[in-house]
Protein backbone atom coordinates (compact mmCIF):
# COMPACT_ATOMS: atom_id res chain seq x y z
CA MET A 1 92.83 -7.76 -90.92
CA ARG A 2 91.65 -4.26 -89.55
CA VAL A 3 87.92 -4.13 -89.71
CA ILE A 4 86.14 -1.06 -88.93
CA LEU A 5 82.56 -0.77 -88.31
CA ALA A 6 80.49 2.16 -89.90
CA GLN A 7 78.96 4.69 -87.01
CA PRO A 8 76.01 4.77 -86.85
CA ARG A 9 74.76 1.57 -88.50
CA GLY A 10 72.36 -0.96 -87.91
CA PHE A 11 68.67 -0.79 -86.02
CA CYS A 12 66.80 2.27 -86.36
CA ALA A 13 64.21 3.83 -83.77
CA GLY A 14 61.54 2.73 -86.19
CA VAL A 15 62.70 -0.88 -86.12
CA VAL A 16 63.45 -0.88 -82.66
CA ARG A 17 59.95 0.56 -82.03
CA ALA A 18 58.16 -2.42 -84.51
CA ILE A 19 60.09 -5.02 -82.87
CA GLU A 20 58.84 -4.36 -79.25
CA ILE A 21 55.27 -4.04 -80.46
CA VAL A 22 55.76 -7.52 -81.23
CA ASP A 23 57.46 -8.40 -78.56
CA ARG A 24 54.83 -6.51 -75.47
CA ALA A 25 51.89 -7.98 -77.63
CA LEU A 26 53.14 -11.23 -77.25
CA GLN A 27 53.80 -10.41 -73.55
CA ARG A 28 50.48 -9.16 -73.08
CA HIS A 29 48.28 -11.42 -74.88
CA GLY A 30 50.58 -14.97 -75.42
CA ALA A 31 50.63 -16.77 -78.86
CA PRO A 32 49.98 -16.28 -81.35
CA VAL A 33 49.84 -12.69 -82.29
CA TYR A 34 49.54 -11.93 -86.38
CA VAL A 35 51.91 -9.79 -88.27
CA ARG A 36 50.83 -8.83 -91.81
CA HIS A 37 54.26 -8.81 -94.09
CA GLU A 38 57.51 -9.17 -92.42
CA ILE A 39 57.45 -6.74 -89.86
CA VAL A 40 61.13 -5.58 -90.71
CA HIS A 41 62.89 -6.32 -93.75
CA ASN A 42 65.19 -8.99 -92.01
CA ARG A 43 65.32 -12.88 -92.02
CA HIS A 44 66.65 -13.28 -88.47
CA VAL A 45 64.23 -10.83 -86.73
CA VAL A 46 61.27 -12.67 -88.40
CA GLU A 47 62.59 -15.94 -87.38
CA ASN A 48 63.33 -14.85 -84.02
CA LEU A 49 59.78 -13.28 -83.53
CA ARG A 50 58.45 -16.67 -85.01
CA SER A 51 60.14 -18.41 -82.57
CA LYS A 52 58.37 -16.81 -79.85
CA GLY A 53 54.76 -17.04 -81.19
CA ALA A 54 54.22 -14.71 -83.96
CA ARG A 55 52.93 -15.53 -87.30
CA PHE A 56 53.50 -13.70 -90.45
CA VAL A 57 50.88 -13.48 -93.16
CA GLU A 58 50.49 -11.89 -96.45
CA GLU A 59 47.10 -10.65 -96.19
CA LEU A 60 44.45 -10.47 -93.35
CA HIS A 61 42.12 -13.10 -94.37
CA GLU A 62 44.42 -15.64 -92.73
CA VAL A 63 44.01 -13.63 -89.22
CA PRO A 64 41.05 -15.34 -87.16
CA HIS A 65 38.38 -13.13 -86.65
CA GLY A 66 39.27 -11.21 -83.49
CA ALA A 67 42.57 -12.07 -82.89
CA VAL A 68 45.98 -9.56 -82.70
CA ALA A 69 47.02 -8.10 -85.56
CA ILE A 70 50.01 -5.77 -86.07
CA PHE A 71 50.85 -3.93 -89.30
CA SER A 72 54.38 -3.77 -90.32
CA ALA A 73 56.89 -1.11 -89.88
CA HIS A 74 56.30 -0.02 -93.76
CA GLY A 75 52.82 1.04 -93.18
CA VAL A 76 49.34 -0.23 -94.81
CA ALA A 77 46.60 1.12 -97.36
CA GLN A 78 43.64 2.65 -95.98
CA SER A 79 41.35 -0.30 -97.56
CA VAL A 80 44.10 -2.89 -95.02
CA GLU A 81 42.76 -0.78 -91.90
CA ARG A 82 38.83 -0.87 -92.62
CA ASP A 83 39.49 -4.71 -93.55
CA ALA A 84 40.80 -4.99 -90.48
CA GLU A 85 37.75 -2.82 -88.72
CA ASP A 86 35.76 -5.51 -90.12
CA ARG A 87 37.47 -8.47 -89.03
CA GLY A 88 36.76 -7.36 -85.79
CA LEU A 89 40.72 -7.44 -85.21
CA ASP A 90 42.60 -5.91 -82.49
CA VAL A 91 44.81 -3.72 -84.47
CA LEU A 92 48.50 -2.55 -83.54
CA ASP A 93 50.06 -0.09 -86.09
CA ALA A 94 53.86 -0.55 -86.01
CA THR A 95 54.22 1.70 -88.91
CA CYS A 96 57.10 3.81 -88.62
CA PRO A 97 56.35 7.65 -87.41
CA LEU A 98 58.30 8.99 -89.67
CA VAL A 99 56.36 7.17 -92.53
CA THR A 100 53.31 8.18 -91.27
CA LYS A 101 54.66 11.70 -91.25
CA VAL A 102 54.37 10.82 -95.17
CA HIS A 103 51.29 9.88 -95.15
CA VAL A 104 50.04 12.96 -93.49
CA GLN A 105 51.94 15.35 -95.92
CA GLY A 106 50.46 13.56 -98.96
CA ARG A 107 47.02 13.94 -97.91
CA GLN A 108 47.49 17.71 -97.29
CA TYR A 109 48.82 18.16 -100.41
CA VAL A 110 46.01 16.65 -101.95
CA ALA A 111 43.68 18.37 -100.21
CA ALA A 112 45.03 21.67 -100.96
CA GLY A 113 44.30 20.64 -104.32
CA ARG A 114 47.77 19.23 -105.89
CA THR A 115 48.20 16.16 -107.91
CA LEU A 116 50.79 14.00 -105.90
CA ILE A 117 53.42 12.62 -107.19
CA LEU A 118 55.61 9.85 -104.91
CA ILE A 119 59.28 9.11 -105.38
CA GLY A 120 59.79 5.48 -104.26
CA HIS A 121 60.03 1.77 -105.62
CA ALA A 122 57.43 0.30 -107.35
CA GLY A 123 55.97 -2.95 -105.36
CA HIS A 124 58.02 -1.65 -102.20
CA PRO A 125 55.38 -2.15 -99.24
CA GLU A 126 56.15 1.54 -98.07
CA VAL A 127 55.02 2.50 -101.42
CA GLU A 128 52.25 0.90 -101.61
CA GLY A 129 51.12 1.28 -98.36
CA THR A 130 51.53 5.55 -98.75
CA ILE A 131 49.85 5.24 -102.38
CA GLY A 132 47.05 3.55 -100.49
CA GLN A 133 46.99 6.08 -97.86
CA ILE A 134 46.43 9.14 -100.58
CA PRO A 135 42.42 9.61 -101.32
CA GLY A 136 43.28 10.36 -104.80
CA LYS A 137 45.33 9.33 -107.89
CA VAL A 138 49.22 9.66 -106.98
CA LEU A 139 51.96 9.40 -109.33
CA LEU A 140 54.83 6.91 -108.65
CA VAL A 141 58.24 8.35 -110.32
CA GLN A 142 61.21 6.08 -109.78
CA SER A 143 63.88 7.99 -111.84
CA GLU A 144 65.01 10.86 -113.32
CA ALA A 145 63.91 9.97 -116.68
CA GLU A 146 60.36 9.30 -115.85
CA VAL A 147 59.60 13.29 -115.03
CA ALA A 148 60.32 13.65 -118.78
CA SER A 149 57.35 11.56 -119.62
CA LEU A 150 54.77 12.54 -116.88
CA PRO A 151 51.41 13.00 -118.33
CA LEU A 152 51.03 16.61 -117.10
CA ALA A 153 50.87 20.21 -118.23
CA ASN A 154 53.87 22.27 -116.90
CA ASP A 155 51.34 24.34 -115.47
CA THR A 156 49.75 21.38 -113.26
CA PRO A 157 49.88 22.53 -109.38
CA LEU A 158 52.25 19.43 -108.12
CA ALA A 159 53.33 18.35 -104.89
CA TYR A 160 55.80 15.53 -103.86
CA VAL A 161 56.70 13.10 -101.56
CA THR A 162 59.48 10.38 -100.85
CA GLN A 163 59.39 6.82 -99.80
CA THR A 164 61.77 7.24 -96.66
CA THR A 165 64.91 4.52 -97.44
CA LEU A 166 65.68 6.25 -100.60
CA SER A 167 69.32 7.74 -101.38
CA VAL A 168 69.20 11.19 -100.77
CA ASP A 169 71.10 12.04 -103.57
CA ASP A 170 68.81 9.82 -105.92
CA THR A 171 65.58 12.02 -104.68
CA ARG A 172 67.90 15.25 -104.57
CA GLY A 173 68.11 14.30 -108.28
CA ILE A 174 64.40 13.31 -109.19
CA ILE A 175 63.52 16.79 -107.28
CA GLU A 176 65.68 19.02 -109.65
CA ALA A 177 64.07 16.98 -112.48
CA LEU A 178 60.94 17.76 -110.89
CA MET A 179 61.57 21.20 -110.29
CA ARG A 180 63.06 22.03 -114.06
CA ARG A 181 59.81 20.61 -115.70
CA PHE A 182 57.26 21.64 -113.43
CA LYS A 183 56.22 25.45 -112.85
CA ASP A 184 54.00 24.96 -109.47
CA ILE A 185 55.25 22.36 -107.11
CA VAL A 186 56.19 22.21 -103.80
CA GLY A 187 57.31 19.18 -101.71
CA PRO A 188 59.37 18.48 -98.30
CA ASP A 189 63.40 18.80 -98.27
CA THR A 190 65.54 16.14 -98.64
CA ARG A 191 66.25 16.25 -94.68
CA ASP A 192 63.03 15.22 -94.24
CA ILE A 193 63.88 11.81 -95.47
CA CYS A 194 64.49 9.45 -92.91
CA TYR A 195 67.07 10.47 -90.12
CA ALA A 196 68.36 6.97 -90.22
CA THR A 197 68.56 6.91 -93.90
CA GLN A 198 70.99 9.73 -94.24
CA ASN A 199 73.30 9.10 -91.16
CA ARG A 200 74.12 5.35 -92.26
CA GLN A 201 74.69 6.69 -95.98
CA ALA A 202 76.95 9.61 -94.98
CA ALA A 203 78.64 6.99 -92.60
CA VAL A 204 79.48 4.84 -95.68
CA ARG A 205 80.60 7.47 -97.74
CA GLU A 206 83.72 8.54 -95.28
CA LEU A 207 83.84 4.73 -94.33
CA SER A 208 84.17 3.67 -98.03
CA LYS A 209 87.66 6.56 -98.15
CA GLU A 210 89.28 4.18 -95.71
CA VAL A 211 88.77 0.51 -96.75
CA ASP A 212 89.26 -2.18 -99.33
CA VAL A 213 86.43 -3.95 -99.59
CA LEU A 214 82.90 -3.16 -97.60
CA LEU A 215 80.26 -5.21 -96.18
CA VAL A 216 76.89 -4.27 -95.94
CA VAL A 217 75.22 -6.82 -93.14
CA GLY A 218 71.19 -6.55 -94.54
CA ALA A 219 68.18 -8.31 -96.51
CA THR A 220 68.41 -8.52 -100.09
CA ASN A 221 64.61 -7.19 -99.74
CA SER A 222 66.00 -4.03 -97.83
CA SER A 223 65.94 -0.77 -99.87
CA ASN A 224 68.40 1.06 -97.51
CA SER A 225 70.92 -1.85 -97.45
CA ASN A 226 71.05 -2.46 -101.26
CA ARG A 227 71.51 1.23 -101.11
CA LEU A 228 74.45 1.82 -98.61
CA ARG A 229 75.97 -1.09 -100.80
CA GLU A 230 75.44 0.85 -104.12
CA ILE A 231 77.28 3.62 -102.35
CA GLY A 232 80.25 1.46 -101.82
CA THR A 233 80.28 0.34 -105.36
CA GLU A 234 79.87 4.05 -106.66
CA SER A 235 82.62 4.96 -104.22
CA GLY A 236 85.38 2.61 -105.82
CA VAL A 237 85.39 -0.04 -102.83
CA PRO A 238 84.00 -3.92 -103.86
CA SER A 239 81.01 -3.87 -101.30
CA TYR A 240 78.92 -7.08 -101.11
CA LEU A 241 75.67 -7.39 -99.08
CA VAL A 242 75.35 -9.98 -96.78
CA ALA A 243 72.28 -11.64 -94.25
CA ASP A 244 75.26 -12.89 -92.25
CA GLY A 245 78.70 -14.43 -91.75
CA SER A 246 77.68 -17.61 -93.64
CA GLU A 247 77.51 -15.42 -96.66
CA VAL A 248 81.15 -14.07 -96.26
CA LYS A 249 83.36 -15.53 -99.03
CA PRO A 250 86.80 -16.05 -98.22
CA GLU A 251 88.33 -14.43 -102.04
CA TRP A 252 86.74 -11.01 -101.45
CA PHE A 253 89.73 -10.27 -99.28
CA ALA A 254 92.37 -12.03 -101.15
CA ALA A 255 94.15 -8.25 -101.18
CA ALA A 256 92.61 -6.58 -98.81
CA HIS A 257 94.15 -5.21 -95.54
CA THR A 258 91.40 -3.08 -94.18
CA VAL A 259 87.65 -4.46 -94.15
CA GLY A 260 84.65 -1.84 -93.63
CA ILE A 261 81.36 -3.30 -92.16
CA THR A 262 78.19 -1.28 -91.76
CA ALA A 263 74.14 -2.53 -91.29
CA GLY A 264 70.84 -1.83 -92.64
CA ALA A 265 68.50 -0.40 -90.58
CA SER A 266 66.58 -3.69 -89.95
CA ALA A 267 69.78 -5.56 -89.36
CA PRO A 268 70.57 -6.47 -85.63
CA GLU A 269 73.84 -6.30 -84.16
CA GLU A 270 74.02 -9.93 -83.80
CA MET A 271 74.70 -10.37 -86.96
CA VAL A 272 77.50 -7.95 -87.38
CA GLU A 273 78.90 -9.74 -84.61
CA HIS A 274 78.09 -13.12 -86.95
CA VAL A 275 80.31 -11.53 -89.88
CA ILE A 276 83.37 -10.06 -87.72
CA ASN A 277 83.54 -13.97 -86.33
CA ALA A 278 83.72 -15.33 -90.04
CA LEU A 279 86.76 -12.81 -90.63
CA ARG A 280 87.97 -14.08 -87.76
CA ALA A 281 87.97 -17.68 -88.97
CA LEU A 282 90.28 -16.41 -92.03
CA GLY A 283 92.75 -14.54 -90.05
CA PRO A 284 93.56 -12.11 -87.01
CA VAL A 285 91.41 -9.21 -87.06
CA ASP A 286 91.62 -5.84 -84.99
CA VAL A 287 88.04 -4.10 -84.50
CA THR A 288 87.57 -0.49 -84.69
CA THR A 289 84.64 1.61 -84.81
CA MET A 290 84.77 5.28 -86.57
CA THR A 291 83.78 8.41 -85.02
CA GLY A 292 80.10 9.05 -86.28
CA ARG A 293 76.86 10.69 -85.60
CA GLU A 294 75.43 9.00 -82.31
CA GLU A 295 71.72 8.77 -82.85
CA LYS A 296 69.37 9.34 -79.37
CA VAL A 297 66.05 9.13 -81.47
CA GLU A 298 63.24 7.08 -80.19
CA PHE A 299 59.68 6.60 -81.19
CA LYS A 300 56.73 6.14 -78.14
CA LEU A 301 54.96 3.02 -78.48
CA PRO A 302 50.94 2.65 -79.34
CA SER A 303 48.92 3.62 -76.17
CA LYS A 304 47.44 0.52 -75.24
CA LEU A 305 51.16 -0.99 -75.07
CA ALA A 306 52.83 1.63 -73.06
CA GLU A 307 52.36 0.13 -69.93
CA PRO A 308 54.43 -3.06 -68.94
CA ALA A 309 52.21 -6.29 -69.30
CA VAL A 310 50.92 -7.63 -66.02
CA ALA A 311 52.40 -11.07 -65.72
CA ARG A 312 50.20 -13.69 -66.97
CA GLU A 313 49.10 -16.43 -64.86
CA ALA A 314 50.18 -20.08 -65.65
């Protein structure tokens, strides 16, 4: 069996930063540190950090007064920030800088007197955080069909922002529908959507031209991982989302000569290796990596974690 690995795949700079924030917080403060929601959408990452002493909570009332609290890469509402301050928590914000950029854009549009539309998936932590960062009403739009039902006059001054992990193609269609209906609307270009989302989607489109089956390594609650699987399916390739090699089923490859593997932005490379080993259990495997964009993006850590921690006394 020939296996082709997508390039790029796996961890993006925002995920690397978020995980390092938890690791450095544990080194500096010792266990436990508390993380609100999953730091990123991947069970293996969460379990690894839990084994080191991170405790994951759903709400801040579960965090002891004065403890170290970390916000996930998806961002939080301003009400959560205020709650953390009221509880005297030592906060480390692991929000992806590209998500923070969306928050800033949204506030600027509202300050300019525009009604804000957020293109995203209802219930996603990033969407809930973004809505909670905007001082005013935000209208959530999930599809082109919903544009027609927006309760707004066609000359309403509008602006839009987008969830960073959405499909570029899907977002473009919604933006075009908004432009057709409304006369006075502004917003960022689709190029402002997360670089990692775009790069991984582009790689999967190219990879799908060469393979008989596509495997996407990622979590079922990961928006960008699900979209990678959907792109493979839309390209006419049987595509499956797996957390690791234990979920690989031999019958998927009965007639396959070439298998493509990619990974969502929060999926660690060791899970890709786990999947490859599962394929090796079925027979000989020849692994190559496709030619693709090399990512060199890095995001700075919060200032209070930027310097390595002083060694803790035993």
